[in-house]
Amino acid sequence: MTQKVLRVGTSAAVTIPKKSLKELGLKIGDEVNINIDRDKKTVLIKPVFGLSPETAKIAKLTLNFINKYRKDLEKLANS
C-alpha cells in the first residue's frame, strides 16, 4: 500500500485507510508505537493494547491511595 506523507501543522502524518484500521482493531485516537529502523529505512507502526507502563503505574498508585484512605474519602464524599 502506498500513502503520502501529509503536512499537519508543523508535523507530518501518514494516513491509514479505514479498512486497515478496522483490520487492526484501531480507531481514531488510539495509541500506536512507532519504531524506526534507520538502517533498513523502515517504519513499523504497532497498536498499543492495554495500559502503557506509565498509566499502569498511575492506576496502581491511585488504587493504593484509595484503599489506604477509603474511610476518610467516604467521609468527605458524605459531608
Protein backbone atom coordinates (compact mmCIF):
# COMPACT_ATOMS: atom_id res chain seq x y z
CA MET A 1 0.00 0.00 0.00
CA THR A 2 1.34 3.44 -0.88
CA GLN A 3 0.37 6.50 1.13
CA LYS A 4 1.56 10.11 1.01
CA VAL A 5 3.25 12.00 3.81
CA LEU A 6 0.98 14.94 4.63
CA ARG A 7 1.67 18.19 6.45
CA VAL A 8 -0.28 18.62 9.69
CA GLY A 9 0.64 21.96 11.20
CA THR A 10 4.40 21.80 11.72
CA SER A 11 4.37 17.99 11.81
CA ALA A 12 3.86 15.26 9.24
CA ALA A 13 1.33 12.44 9.08
CA VAL A 14 0.63 9.34 7.06
CA THR A 15 -2.99 8.30 6.73
CA ILE A 16 -4.17 4.76 7.42
CA PRO A 17 -7.13 3.62 5.32
CA LYS A 18 -10.35 2.88 7.19
CA LYS A 19 -10.24 -0.78 6.12
CA SER A 20 -6.75 -1.17 7.58
CA LEU A 21 -7.80 0.48 10.84
CA LYS A 22 -10.66 -1.98 11.13
CA GLU A 23 -8.39 -4.96 10.40
CA LEU A 24 -6.01 -3.81 13.16
CA GLY A 25 -8.82 -3.10 15.61
CA LEU A 26 -7.85 0.57 15.76
CA LYS A 27 -9.98 3.70 15.90
CA ILE A 28 -9.24 7.41 15.77
CA GLY A 29 -7.49 8.46 18.99
CA ASP A 30 -5.93 5.06 19.76
CA GLU A 31 -2.25 4.94 20.68
CA VAL A 32 0.35 3.24 18.49
CA ASN A 33 4.05 2.55 18.92
CA ILE A 34 6.29 3.74 16.12
CA ASN A 35 9.63 2.00 15.59
CA ILE A 36 12.11 3.36 13.08
CA ASP A 37 14.86 1.21 11.59
CA ARG A 38 17.31 3.72 10.13
CA ASP A 39 19.46 1.02 8.53
CA LYS A 40 16.56 -0.52 6.63
CA LYS A 41 14.78 2.85 6.27
CA THR A 42 11.52 1.36 7.52
CA VAL A 43 8.83 2.49 9.92
CA LEU A 44 6.83 -0.07 11.90
CA ILE A 45 3.54 1.02 13.45
CA LYS A 46 2.06 -1.30 16.09
CA PRO A 47 -1.17 -0.88 18.05
CA VAL A 48 -0.84 -0.39 21.81
CA PHE A 49 -3.30 -2.62 23.59
CA GLY A 50 -3.79 -2.32 27.31
CA LEU A 51 -2.24 0.25 29.60
CA SER A 52 1.09 1.90 28.98
CA PRO A 53 3.64 1.33 31.77
CA GLU A 54 3.14 4.92 32.94
CA THR A 55 -0.64 4.62 33.03
CA ALA A 56 -0.44 1.26 34.81
CA LYS A 57 1.82 2.80 37.47
CA ILE A 58 -0.56 5.72 38.00
CA ALA A 59 -3.52 3.34 38.23
CA LYS A 60 -1.72 1.23 40.84
CA LEU A 61 -0.74 4.28 42.90
CA THR A 62 -4.29 5.61 42.73
CA LEU A 63 -5.78 2.31 43.83
CA ASN A 64 -3.31 2.08 46.73
CA PHE A 65 -4.22 5.64 47.79
CA ILE A 66 -7.95 4.88 47.66
CA ASN A 67 -7.53 1.69 49.66
CA LYS A 68 -5.37 3.40 52.28
CA TYR A 69 -7.69 6.40 52.74
CA ARG A 70 -11.06 4.82 51.87
CA LYS A 71 -12.76 5.71 55.17
CA ASP A 72 -11.61 9.32 55.01
CA LEU A 73 -12.60 9.63 51.36
CA GLU A 74 -16.06 8.24 52.14
CA LYS A 75 -16.46 10.76 54.98
CA LEU A 76 -15.51 13.57 52.62
CA ALA A 77 -17.95 12.33 50.00
CA ASN A 78 -20.79 12.19 52.52
CA SER A 79 -20.16 15.57 54.16
